[in-house]
N, C-alpha and C. Protein backbone atom coordinates (compact mmCIF):
# COMPACT_ATOMS: atom_id res chain seq x y z
N MET A 1 -13.34 -21.54 -49.49
CA MET A 1 -14.72 -21.98 -49.65
C MET A 1 -14.82 -23.11 -50.74
N ALA A 2 -15.52 -24.02 -50.53
CA ALA A 2 -15.67 -25.20 -51.39
C ALA A 2 -16.60 -24.78 -52.63
N SER A 3 -16.27 -25.24 -53.80
CA SER A 3 -16.94 -25.10 -55.03
C SER A 3 -16.93 -26.46 -55.74
N TYR A 4 -17.75 -26.50 -56.79
CA TYR A 4 -17.74 -27.76 -57.61
C TYR A 4 -16.58 -27.67 -58.61
N TYR A 5 -15.73 -28.65 -58.57
CA TYR A 5 -14.58 -28.76 -59.54
C TYR A 5 -14.66 -30.10 -60.23
N THR A 6 -14.37 -30.18 -61.54
CA THR A 6 -14.36 -31.48 -62.24
C THR A 6 -13.14 -32.27 -61.72
N LYS A 7 -13.48 -33.49 -61.21
CA LYS A 7 -12.42 -34.38 -60.72
C LYS A 7 -12.37 -35.67 -61.70
N TYR A 8 -13.58 -36.07 -62.20
CA TYR A 8 -13.69 -37.24 -62.99
C TYR A 8 -14.35 -36.89 -64.29
N ARG A 9 -13.90 -37.46 -65.39
CA ARG A 9 -14.47 -37.11 -66.67
C ARG A 9 -14.53 -38.40 -67.53
N ILE A 10 -15.64 -38.52 -68.31
CA ILE A 10 -15.89 -39.67 -69.18
C ILE A 10 -16.24 -39.04 -70.52
N GLU A 11 -15.65 -39.35 -71.59
CA GLU A 11 -16.02 -38.92 -72.87
C GLU A 11 -16.25 -40.19 -73.76
N PHE A 12 -17.29 -40.05 -74.58
CA PHE A 12 -17.65 -41.15 -75.55
C PHE A 12 -18.44 -40.58 -76.68
N LYS A 13 -18.55 -41.44 -77.65
CA LYS A 13 -19.53 -41.05 -78.80
C LYS A 13 -20.81 -41.90 -78.68
N ASP A 14 -21.90 -41.22 -78.96
CA ASP A 14 -23.14 -41.91 -78.98
C ASP A 14 -23.39 -42.60 -80.32
N PHE A 15 -24.40 -43.32 -80.47
CA PHE A 15 -24.69 -44.04 -81.71
C PHE A 15 -24.78 -43.26 -82.93
N LYS A 16 -25.01 -41.84 -82.80
CA LYS A 16 -24.94 -40.91 -83.96
C LYS A 16 -23.58 -40.35 -84.20
N GLY A 17 -22.64 -40.78 -83.34
CA GLY A 17 -21.32 -40.15 -83.57
C GLY A 17 -21.08 -38.84 -82.88
N ILE A 18 -22.03 -38.41 -82.06
CA ILE A 18 -21.89 -37.13 -81.29
C ILE A 18 -21.03 -37.42 -80.14
N VAL A 19 -20.09 -36.59 -79.81
CA VAL A 19 -19.21 -36.66 -78.66
C VAL A 19 -20.02 -36.22 -77.42
N CYS A 20 -20.03 -37.13 -76.46
CA CYS A 20 -20.71 -36.82 -75.15
C CYS A 20 -19.64 -36.77 -74.04
N ARG A 21 -19.94 -35.96 -73.08
CA ARG A 21 -19.02 -35.85 -71.94
C ARG A 21 -19.89 -35.86 -70.58
N VAL A 22 -19.38 -36.53 -69.65
CA VAL A 22 -19.81 -36.44 -68.28
C VAL A 22 -18.75 -36.02 -67.38
N ASP A 23 -19.08 -34.87 -66.69
CA ASP A 23 -18.13 -34.31 -65.74
C ASP A 23 -18.65 -34.55 -64.38
N ILE A 24 -17.90 -35.15 -63.44
CA ILE A 24 -18.30 -35.51 -62.08
C ILE A 24 -17.51 -34.47 -61.13
N GLN A 25 -18.24 -33.67 -60.38
CA GLN A 25 -17.73 -32.53 -59.73
C GLN A 25 -18.01 -32.62 -58.27
N PRO A 26 -17.08 -33.07 -57.51
CA PRO A 26 -17.26 -32.96 -56.10
C PRO A 26 -17.06 -31.54 -55.47
N LEU A 27 -17.54 -31.27 -54.32
CA LEU A 27 -17.25 -29.88 -53.70
C LEU A 27 -15.84 -29.97 -53.17
N LEU A 28 -14.93 -29.14 -53.66
CA LEU A 28 -13.50 -29.08 -53.35
C LEU A 28 -13.11 -27.65 -53.13
N THR A 29 -11.96 -27.51 -52.65
CA THR A 29 -11.34 -26.09 -52.34
C THR A 29 -10.55 -25.72 -53.57
N SER A 30 -10.13 -26.53 -54.39
CA SER A 30 -9.31 -26.25 -55.59
C SER A 30 -9.51 -27.26 -56.69
N GLN A 31 -9.06 -26.88 -57.88
CA GLN A 31 -9.21 -27.77 -59.06
C GLN A 31 -8.19 -28.92 -58.93
N PRO A 32 -8.63 -30.22 -58.81
CA PRO A 32 -7.68 -31.27 -58.77
C PRO A 32 -7.22 -31.64 -60.25
N ALA A 33 -6.35 -32.59 -60.29
CA ALA A 33 -6.07 -33.25 -61.60
C ALA A 33 -7.24 -34.10 -61.98
N ILE A 34 -7.62 -34.06 -63.25
CA ILE A 34 -8.83 -34.71 -63.68
C ILE A 34 -8.51 -36.11 -64.03
N ILE A 35 -9.28 -37.07 -63.47
CA ILE A 35 -9.19 -38.55 -63.60
C ILE A 35 -10.10 -38.89 -64.73
N THR A 36 -9.55 -39.64 -65.77
CA THR A 36 -10.36 -40.01 -66.87
C THR A 36 -10.91 -41.36 -66.70
N LEU A 37 -12.11 -41.61 -66.75
CA LEU A 37 -12.76 -42.86 -66.67
C LEU A 37 -13.27 -43.29 -68.09
N LEU A 38 -13.09 -44.58 -68.38
CA LEU A 38 -13.68 -45.06 -69.69
C LEU A 38 -15.17 -45.32 -69.62
N ALA A 39 -15.85 -45.04 -70.73
CA ALA A 39 -17.25 -45.39 -70.80
C ALA A 39 -17.42 -46.84 -70.74
N GLY A 40 -18.54 -47.23 -69.98
CA GLY A 40 -18.86 -48.57 -70.02
C GLY A 40 -19.70 -48.97 -71.29
N GLU A 41 -20.30 -50.21 -71.21
CA GLU A 41 -21.07 -50.63 -72.43
C GLU A 41 -22.25 -49.70 -72.65
N THR A 42 -23.00 -49.39 -71.69
CA THR A 42 -24.01 -48.30 -71.80
C THR A 42 -23.61 -47.16 -70.90
N PRO A 43 -22.88 -46.19 -71.36
CA PRO A 43 -22.30 -45.17 -70.56
C PRO A 43 -23.20 -44.41 -69.66
N VAL A 44 -24.32 -43.94 -70.25
CA VAL A 44 -25.34 -43.12 -69.56
C VAL A 44 -26.70 -43.66 -69.88
N LEU A 45 -27.51 -43.86 -68.93
CA LEU A 45 -28.93 -44.30 -69.08
C LEU A 45 -29.79 -43.41 -68.35
N PHE A 46 -30.67 -42.62 -69.04
CA PHE A 46 -31.49 -41.76 -68.23
C PHE A 46 -32.84 -42.34 -67.88
N GLN A 47 -33.31 -42.00 -66.68
CA GLN A 47 -34.72 -42.43 -66.28
C GLN A 47 -35.54 -41.23 -66.07
N LEU A 48 -36.52 -41.12 -67.02
CA LEU A 48 -37.39 -39.94 -66.93
C LEU A 48 -38.71 -40.24 -66.35
N PRO A 49 -39.41 -39.41 -65.61
CA PRO A 49 -40.72 -39.78 -65.01
C PRO A 49 -41.74 -39.68 -66.15
N ASP A 50 -42.71 -40.64 -65.94
CA ASP A 50 -43.82 -40.66 -66.89
C ASP A 50 -44.87 -39.74 -66.41
N VAL A 51 -44.97 -38.61 -67.05
CA VAL A 51 -45.94 -37.54 -66.79
C VAL A 51 -46.79 -37.37 -68.01
N SER A 52 -47.96 -38.17 -68.06
CA SER A 52 -48.72 -38.15 -69.27
C SER A 52 -49.88 -37.21 -69.26
N LYS A 53 -50.26 -36.84 -68.01
CA LYS A 53 -51.50 -35.93 -67.88
C LYS A 53 -51.06 -34.63 -67.16
N PRO A 54 -51.72 -33.59 -67.45
CA PRO A 54 -51.39 -32.36 -66.74
C PRO A 54 -51.60 -32.40 -65.27
N THR A 55 -52.37 -33.23 -64.76
CA THR A 55 -52.58 -33.45 -63.29
C THR A 55 -51.55 -34.30 -62.59
N ASP A 56 -50.75 -34.95 -63.40
CA ASP A 56 -49.69 -35.78 -62.71
C ASP A 56 -48.74 -35.03 -61.90
N ASN A 57 -48.30 -35.48 -60.80
CA ASN A 57 -47.26 -34.93 -60.02
C ASN A 57 -45.95 -34.70 -60.70
N VAL A 58 -45.24 -33.65 -60.53
CA VAL A 58 -43.97 -33.53 -61.13
C VAL A 58 -42.98 -34.23 -60.21
N CYS A 59 -42.13 -35.11 -60.75
CA CYS A 59 -41.16 -35.74 -59.84
C CYS A 59 -39.85 -35.81 -60.72
N GLY A 60 -38.82 -35.90 -60.00
CA GLY A 60 -37.49 -35.94 -60.62
C GLY A 60 -37.16 -37.12 -61.39
N GLY A 61 -36.22 -37.01 -62.21
CA GLY A 61 -35.67 -38.15 -62.91
C GLY A 61 -34.16 -38.42 -62.50
N GLY A 62 -33.53 -39.26 -63.17
CA GLY A 62 -32.22 -39.58 -62.86
C GLY A 62 -31.40 -40.16 -63.90
N CYS A 63 -30.18 -40.64 -63.71
CA CYS A 63 -29.50 -41.27 -64.73
C CYS A 63 -28.48 -42.35 -63.97
N THR A 64 -28.12 -43.35 -64.73
CA THR A 64 -27.14 -44.27 -64.25
C THR A 64 -25.99 -44.19 -65.22
N ILE A 65 -24.75 -44.04 -64.60
CA ILE A 65 -23.54 -43.94 -65.31
C ILE A 65 -22.75 -45.27 -65.19
N ASN A 66 -22.37 -45.78 -66.24
CA ASN A 66 -21.48 -47.02 -66.18
C ASN A 66 -20.16 -46.68 -66.73
N CYS A 67 -19.14 -46.89 -65.97
CA CYS A 67 -17.82 -46.47 -66.37
C CYS A 67 -16.81 -47.47 -65.92
N ILE A 68 -15.55 -47.29 -66.34
CA ILE A 68 -14.43 -48.16 -66.02
C ILE A 68 -13.20 -47.40 -65.48
N TYR A 69 -12.71 -47.68 -64.44
CA TYR A 69 -11.52 -46.99 -63.87
C TYR A 69 -10.37 -47.91 -64.23
N THR A 70 -9.42 -47.43 -65.02
CA THR A 70 -8.24 -48.20 -65.40
C THR A 70 -7.04 -48.05 -64.58
N GLY A 71 -7.08 -47.10 -63.59
CA GLY A 71 -5.85 -46.88 -62.88
C GLY A 71 -5.55 -48.00 -61.91
N THR A 72 -4.57 -47.84 -61.17
CA THR A 72 -4.09 -48.78 -60.12
C THR A 72 -4.31 -48.51 -58.70
N THR A 73 -4.70 -47.16 -58.48
CA THR A 73 -4.78 -46.61 -57.15
C THR A 73 -6.30 -46.49 -56.79
N VAL A 74 -6.79 -47.47 -56.04
CA VAL A 74 -8.31 -47.47 -55.70
C VAL A 74 -8.64 -46.19 -55.01
N GLU A 75 -7.66 -45.57 -54.25
CA GLU A 75 -8.08 -44.26 -53.47
C GLU A 75 -8.56 -43.26 -54.41
N ASP A 76 -8.10 -43.35 -55.76
CA ASP A 76 -8.54 -42.30 -56.74
C ASP A 76 -10.03 -42.25 -56.86
N ILE A 77 -10.68 -43.43 -56.72
CA ILE A 77 -12.14 -43.49 -56.98
C ILE A 77 -12.94 -43.48 -55.65
N ARG A 78 -12.33 -43.48 -54.49
CA ARG A 78 -13.00 -43.38 -53.25
C ARG A 78 -13.80 -41.95 -53.15
N GLY A 79 -13.34 -41.02 -53.83
CA GLY A 79 -13.93 -39.67 -53.84
C GLY A 79 -15.34 -39.67 -54.60
N LEU A 80 -15.73 -40.84 -55.12
CA LEU A 80 -17.15 -40.94 -55.70
C LEU A 80 -18.22 -41.23 -54.62
N TYR A 81 -17.76 -41.46 -53.50
CA TYR A 81 -18.69 -41.68 -52.40
C TYR A 81 -18.98 -40.43 -51.56
N THR A 82 -20.26 -40.16 -51.36
CA THR A 82 -20.57 -38.94 -50.57
C THR A 82 -21.84 -39.19 -49.70
N ALA A 83 -21.92 -38.62 -48.57
CA ALA A 83 -23.08 -38.70 -47.61
C ALA A 83 -23.90 -37.47 -47.89
N ASP A 84 -23.46 -36.40 -48.55
CA ASP A 84 -24.14 -35.09 -48.95
C ASP A 84 -24.95 -35.33 -50.01
N PRO A 85 -26.30 -35.07 -50.07
CA PRO A 85 -27.10 -35.41 -51.19
C PRO A 85 -26.70 -34.30 -52.30
N GLN A 86 -26.05 -33.18 -52.10
CA GLN A 86 -25.56 -32.36 -53.15
C GLN A 86 -24.06 -32.27 -53.07
N GLY A 87 -23.44 -33.19 -52.59
CA GLY A 87 -21.92 -33.20 -52.53
C GLY A 87 -21.13 -33.32 -53.68
N ILE A 88 -21.74 -34.09 -54.73
CA ILE A 88 -21.10 -34.28 -56.00
C ILE A 88 -22.13 -34.06 -57.09
N ARG A 89 -21.72 -32.99 -57.91
CA ARG A 89 -22.61 -32.63 -59.04
C ARG A 89 -22.13 -33.34 -60.23
N VAL A 90 -23.16 -33.71 -61.15
CA VAL A 90 -22.83 -34.46 -62.39
C VAL A 90 -23.42 -33.67 -63.55
N LEU A 91 -22.58 -33.41 -64.60
CA LEU A 91 -23.12 -32.63 -65.77
C LEU A 91 -22.86 -33.50 -66.90
N TYR A 92 -23.84 -33.53 -67.83
CA TYR A 92 -23.89 -34.24 -69.09
C TYR A 92 -23.93 -33.33 -70.20
N TYR A 93 -23.10 -33.48 -71.28
CA TYR A 93 -23.06 -32.65 -72.35
C TYR A 93 -23.05 -33.36 -73.62
N GLU A 94 -23.61 -32.85 -74.66
CA GLU A 94 -23.57 -33.44 -76.09
C GLU A 94 -23.04 -32.27 -76.85
N ASP A 95 -21.98 -32.61 -77.75
CA ASP A 95 -21.35 -31.64 -78.56
C ASP A 95 -22.00 -31.71 -79.95
N TYR A 96 -23.22 -31.19 -80.14
CA TYR A 96 -24.07 -31.16 -81.40
C TYR A 96 -23.28 -30.40 -82.41
N ASN A 97 -22.60 -29.35 -82.12
CA ASN A 97 -21.96 -28.46 -83.10
C ASN A 97 -20.58 -28.97 -83.35
N LYS A 98 -20.09 -30.05 -82.72
CA LYS A 98 -18.72 -30.57 -83.05
C LYS A 98 -17.75 -29.55 -82.80
N SER A 99 -17.93 -28.67 -81.83
CA SER A 99 -16.99 -27.52 -81.56
C SER A 99 -15.91 -27.89 -80.61
N GLY A 100 -16.15 -29.01 -79.85
CA GLY A 100 -15.23 -29.45 -78.75
C GLY A 100 -15.29 -28.59 -77.59
N VAL A 101 -16.20 -27.65 -77.54
CA VAL A 101 -16.35 -26.76 -76.31
C VAL A 101 -17.54 -27.30 -75.56
N PHE A 102 -17.28 -27.53 -74.31
CA PHE A 102 -18.38 -27.88 -73.35
C PHE A 102 -18.68 -26.93 -72.35
N ASP A 103 -19.66 -26.20 -72.37
CA ASP A 103 -19.94 -25.04 -71.44
C ASP A 103 -21.05 -25.54 -70.51
N MET A 104 -20.70 -25.32 -69.23
CA MET A 104 -21.52 -25.69 -68.13
C MET A 104 -23.00 -25.15 -68.25
N THR A 105 -23.17 -23.95 -68.77
CA THR A 105 -24.44 -23.32 -68.92
C THR A 105 -25.17 -24.02 -70.04
N LYS A 106 -24.57 -24.81 -70.85
CA LYS A 106 -25.33 -25.55 -71.91
C LYS A 106 -25.26 -27.03 -71.65
N ALA A 107 -25.17 -27.42 -70.45
CA ALA A 107 -25.34 -28.84 -70.08
C ALA A 107 -26.66 -29.35 -70.44
N ASN A 108 -26.67 -30.64 -71.04
CA ASN A 108 -27.93 -31.22 -71.41
C ASN A 108 -28.67 -31.79 -70.21
N TRP A 109 -27.96 -32.10 -69.16
CA TRP A 109 -28.49 -32.70 -67.92
C TRP A 109 -27.59 -32.28 -66.75
N MET A 110 -28.21 -31.89 -65.64
CA MET A 110 -27.37 -31.64 -64.39
C MET A 110 -28.11 -32.23 -63.29
N GLY A 111 -27.26 -32.87 -62.42
CA GLY A 111 -27.82 -33.42 -61.26
C GLY A 111 -26.86 -33.76 -60.22
N PHE A 112 -27.05 -34.70 -59.35
CA PHE A 112 -26.21 -35.06 -58.23
C PHE A 112 -26.01 -36.56 -58.09
N LEU A 113 -24.81 -36.85 -57.65
CA LEU A 113 -24.52 -38.37 -57.45
C LEU A 113 -25.46 -38.72 -56.14
N ASN A 114 -26.16 -39.85 -56.25
CA ASN A 114 -26.96 -40.24 -55.08
C ASN A 114 -26.06 -40.48 -53.95
N SER A 115 -26.41 -39.88 -52.74
CA SER A 115 -25.59 -40.04 -51.63
C SER A 115 -25.68 -41.45 -51.01
N GLU A 116 -24.66 -41.89 -50.42
CA GLU A 116 -24.48 -43.20 -49.82
C GLU A 116 -24.84 -44.33 -50.63
N ILE A 117 -24.69 -44.22 -51.93
CA ILE A 117 -24.91 -45.32 -52.85
C ILE A 117 -23.72 -45.32 -53.82
N TYR A 118 -23.13 -46.41 -53.86
CA TYR A 118 -21.85 -46.51 -54.68
C TYR A 118 -21.52 -47.99 -55.00
N ASN A 119 -21.33 -48.40 -56.16
CA ASN A 119 -20.96 -49.78 -56.43
C ASN A 119 -19.68 -49.81 -57.26
N GLU A 120 -18.90 -50.75 -56.84
CA GLU A 120 -17.65 -51.01 -57.60
C GLU A 120 -17.29 -52.46 -57.36
N ASP A 121 -16.74 -52.99 -58.43
CA ASP A 121 -16.34 -54.41 -58.57
C ASP A 121 -14.96 -54.62 -58.05
N PHE A 122 -14.70 -54.92 -56.81
CA PHE A 122 -13.38 -55.11 -56.30
C PHE A 122 -12.71 -56.45 -56.62
N SER A 123 -13.48 -57.27 -57.31
CA SER A 123 -12.86 -58.56 -57.69
C SER A 123 -11.95 -58.40 -58.85
N MET A 124 -12.06 -57.28 -59.49
CA MET A 124 -11.08 -56.83 -60.55
C MET A 124 -9.92 -56.24 -60.00
N ILE A 125 -8.73 -56.54 -60.49
CA ILE A 125 -7.52 -55.93 -60.06
C ILE A 125 -7.31 -54.60 -60.87
N THR A 126 -7.63 -54.70 -62.13
CA THR A 126 -7.57 -53.50 -62.98
C THR A 126 -8.90 -53.43 -63.69
N ASN A 127 -9.21 -52.34 -64.33
CA ASN A 127 -10.38 -52.19 -65.13
C ASN A 127 -11.63 -52.26 -64.16
N ILE A 128 -11.70 -51.57 -63.12
CA ILE A 128 -12.76 -51.63 -62.13
C ILE A 128 -13.95 -50.99 -62.74
N GLU A 129 -15.09 -51.81 -62.81
CA GLU A 129 -16.34 -51.34 -63.40
C GLU A 129 -17.12 -50.60 -62.27
N LEU A 130 -17.59 -49.34 -62.57
CA LEU A 130 -18.29 -48.54 -61.56
C LEU A 130 -19.76 -48.31 -62.16
N THR A 131 -20.68 -48.38 -61.29
CA THR A 131 -22.05 -48.00 -61.57
C THR A 131 -22.45 -46.78 -60.63
N LEU A 132 -22.73 -45.71 -61.20
CA LEU A 132 -23.06 -44.52 -60.37
C LEU A 132 -24.45 -44.14 -60.63
N GLU A 133 -25.25 -44.01 -59.60
CA GLU A 133 -26.63 -43.55 -59.74
C GLU A 133 -26.77 -42.06 -59.41
N CYS A 134 -27.47 -41.32 -60.24
CA CYS A 134 -27.62 -39.89 -60.05
C CYS A 134 -29.10 -39.53 -60.10
N ASN A 135 -29.35 -38.32 -59.56
CA ASN A 135 -30.74 -37.67 -59.57
C ASN A 135 -30.61 -36.25 -59.99
N ASP A 136 -31.75 -35.78 -60.51
CA ASP A 136 -31.72 -34.40 -61.00
C ASP A 136 -31.89 -33.29 -59.89
N GLY A 137 -32.00 -33.77 -58.64
CA GLY A 137 -32.01 -32.82 -57.51
C GLY A 137 -33.37 -32.37 -57.05
N LEU A 138 -34.44 -32.68 -57.78
CA LEU A 138 -35.72 -32.43 -57.42
C LEU A 138 -36.09 -33.16 -56.02
N ASN A 139 -35.53 -34.28 -55.90
CA ASN A 139 -35.85 -35.07 -54.63
C ASN A 139 -35.19 -34.54 -53.46
N THR A 140 -34.28 -33.53 -53.55
CA THR A 140 -33.58 -32.94 -52.45
C THR A 140 -34.30 -31.64 -51.88
N LEU A 141 -35.38 -31.28 -52.64
CA LEU A 141 -36.05 -30.09 -52.19
C LEU A 141 -36.66 -30.12 -50.79
N ASP A 142 -37.11 -31.27 -50.47
CA ASP A 142 -37.82 -31.43 -49.04
C ASP A 142 -36.78 -31.38 -47.94
N ARG A 143 -35.48 -31.27 -48.24
CA ARG A 143 -34.48 -31.24 -47.12
C ARG A 143 -34.16 -29.69 -46.86
N TYR A 144 -34.73 -28.77 -47.64
CA TYR A 144 -34.36 -27.40 -47.41
C TYR A 144 -35.54 -26.62 -46.86
N TYR A 145 -35.41 -25.89 -45.80
CA TYR A 145 -36.39 -25.12 -45.19
C TYR A 145 -36.09 -23.60 -45.62
N TYR A 146 -37.14 -22.93 -45.92
CA TYR A 146 -36.89 -21.47 -46.16
C TYR A 146 -38.28 -20.71 -46.06
N GLN A 147 -38.06 -19.46 -45.71
CA GLN A 147 -39.18 -18.55 -45.66
C GLN A 147 -38.94 -17.36 -46.46
N ILE A 148 -39.97 -16.75 -46.94
CA ILE A 148 -39.81 -15.53 -47.72
C ILE A 148 -39.91 -14.32 -46.83
N SER A 149 -38.97 -13.47 -46.83
CA SER A 149 -39.13 -12.26 -45.95
C SER A 149 -38.69 -11.10 -46.90
N GLY A 150 -39.67 -10.31 -47.40
CA GLY A 150 -39.33 -9.28 -48.27
C GLY A 150 -38.92 -9.91 -49.66
N SER A 151 -37.73 -9.49 -50.14
CA SER A 151 -37.36 -10.03 -51.36
C SER A 151 -36.20 -11.13 -51.28
N THR A 152 -36.01 -11.52 -50.01
CA THR A 152 -34.89 -12.43 -49.74
C THR A 152 -35.40 -13.81 -49.33
N ILE A 153 -34.64 -14.86 -49.41
CA ILE A 153 -35.10 -16.11 -48.89
C ILE A 153 -34.22 -16.47 -47.63
N ASN A 154 -34.95 -16.75 -46.59
CA ASN A 154 -34.32 -17.08 -45.31
C ASN A 154 -34.11 -18.60 -45.30
N LEU A 155 -32.99 -19.17 -45.49
CA LEU A 155 -32.81 -20.57 -45.57
C LEU A 155 -32.77 -21.26 -44.22
N SER A 156 -32.86 -20.52 -43.21
CA SER A 156 -32.84 -21.09 -41.83
C SER A 156 -34.37 -21.13 -41.21
N GLY A 157 -35.20 -20.83 -42.02
CA GLY A 157 -36.70 -20.80 -41.50
C GLY A 157 -37.05 -22.20 -41.05
N ASP A 158 -38.13 -22.20 -40.18
CA ASP A 158 -38.54 -23.48 -39.63
C ASP A 158 -39.77 -23.93 -40.38
N THR A 159 -40.27 -23.34 -41.30
CA THR A 159 -41.55 -23.71 -42.09
C THR A 159 -41.06 -24.12 -43.57
N LYS A 160 -41.54 -25.19 -43.92
CA LYS A 160 -41.17 -25.66 -45.22
C LYS A 160 -41.89 -24.86 -46.35
N TYR A 161 -41.18 -24.36 -47.26
CA TYR A 161 -41.86 -23.72 -48.50
C TYR A 161 -42.94 -22.80 -48.15
N TRP A 162 -42.78 -21.92 -47.33
CA TRP A 162 -43.74 -20.93 -47.01
C TRP A 162 -43.67 -19.69 -47.95
N GLY A 163 -44.73 -19.30 -48.39
CA GLY A 163 -44.92 -18.16 -49.28
C GLY A 163 -44.89 -18.58 -50.71
N ASN A 164 -44.98 -17.58 -51.69
CA ASN A 164 -45.13 -17.85 -53.03
C ASN A 164 -43.70 -17.72 -53.64
N VAL A 165 -43.29 -18.83 -54.24
CA VAL A 165 -41.93 -18.88 -54.87
C VAL A 165 -42.12 -19.45 -56.23
N ALA A 166 -41.50 -18.76 -57.25
CA ALA A 166 -41.53 -19.37 -58.65
C ALA A 166 -40.83 -20.66 -58.69
N ILE A 167 -41.40 -21.67 -59.50
CA ILE A 167 -40.85 -22.94 -59.63
C ILE A 167 -39.37 -22.91 -60.10
N GLY A 168 -39.10 -21.90 -60.91
CA GLY A 168 -37.66 -21.70 -61.39
C GLY A 168 -36.74 -21.45 -60.32
N ASN A 169 -37.16 -20.61 -59.25
CA ASN A 169 -36.37 -20.25 -58.07
C ASN A 169 -36.18 -21.61 -57.25
N MET A 170 -37.21 -22.42 -57.13
CA MET A 170 -37.15 -23.72 -56.30
C MET A 170 -36.09 -24.66 -57.03
N ILE A 171 -36.28 -24.75 -58.31
CA ILE A 171 -35.35 -25.63 -59.06
C ILE A 171 -33.87 -25.09 -58.99
N GLN A 172 -33.75 -23.73 -59.16
CA GLN A 172 -32.45 -23.21 -59.03
C GLN A 172 -31.72 -23.47 -57.64
N ARG A 173 -32.48 -23.31 -56.66
CA ARG A 173 -32.01 -23.65 -55.24
C ARG A 173 -31.62 -25.05 -55.21
N CYS A 174 -32.30 -25.95 -55.75
CA CYS A 174 -32.03 -27.33 -55.74
C CYS A 174 -30.75 -27.70 -56.55
N LEU A 175 -30.43 -26.98 -57.51
CA LEU A 175 -29.27 -27.21 -58.22
C LEU A 175 -28.03 -26.45 -57.85
N MET A 176 -28.19 -25.55 -56.85
CA MET A 176 -26.93 -24.82 -56.33
C MET A 176 -25.96 -25.69 -55.52
C-alpha cells in the first residue's frame, strides 16, 4: 500500500538563522533515496488568505517553493509532476529549538503539490531551477463525497458534505 515517503528535501536558514526544511513526499510503496535540492533565492513564499472579518469565507492558502536541482539525471525530478491533487505532500518545518529534529507532527505547514502544474528551466544543462506551487488542501475538499452513517464516514456517498461534521474532521480528511 502506498504511503507518503520523503523523496526530495530542501534545507536552508532563514534571515534569523533558523534552520528550515521542506520535505516533498510522493505516495510510494517504499522509502526511496532522498534527493537533496538546493534552496532558491526565495526558497519558500507563503500566500495566506486575507480574512479580516468574522463573516469572510475561509479559504485555503498556499506556498511557492523555489529550488535548484544540481544533479545530471533529469528523470530524478520528473517525480515532481502529479495528476493527483493529493499525490505529493509537502511539509515545511522550522527548527526553533536548534535540536536538528524535524517531527512531522510539528510541521509548521502541510499541504500538497498542485496537480498538473510544474515548471522547470530545461535551458539549463545543470542547476535546473524549479518552481513548485503548493496548496494547503482546503481546495480539495469539494472533490470528496461522504455521508455520515452512525459514527462512521461513508466516503462513497453521493451527497456532498451531508450531516454535521466538525471542521477539524473535514480538515483532517483533506490532509490525509
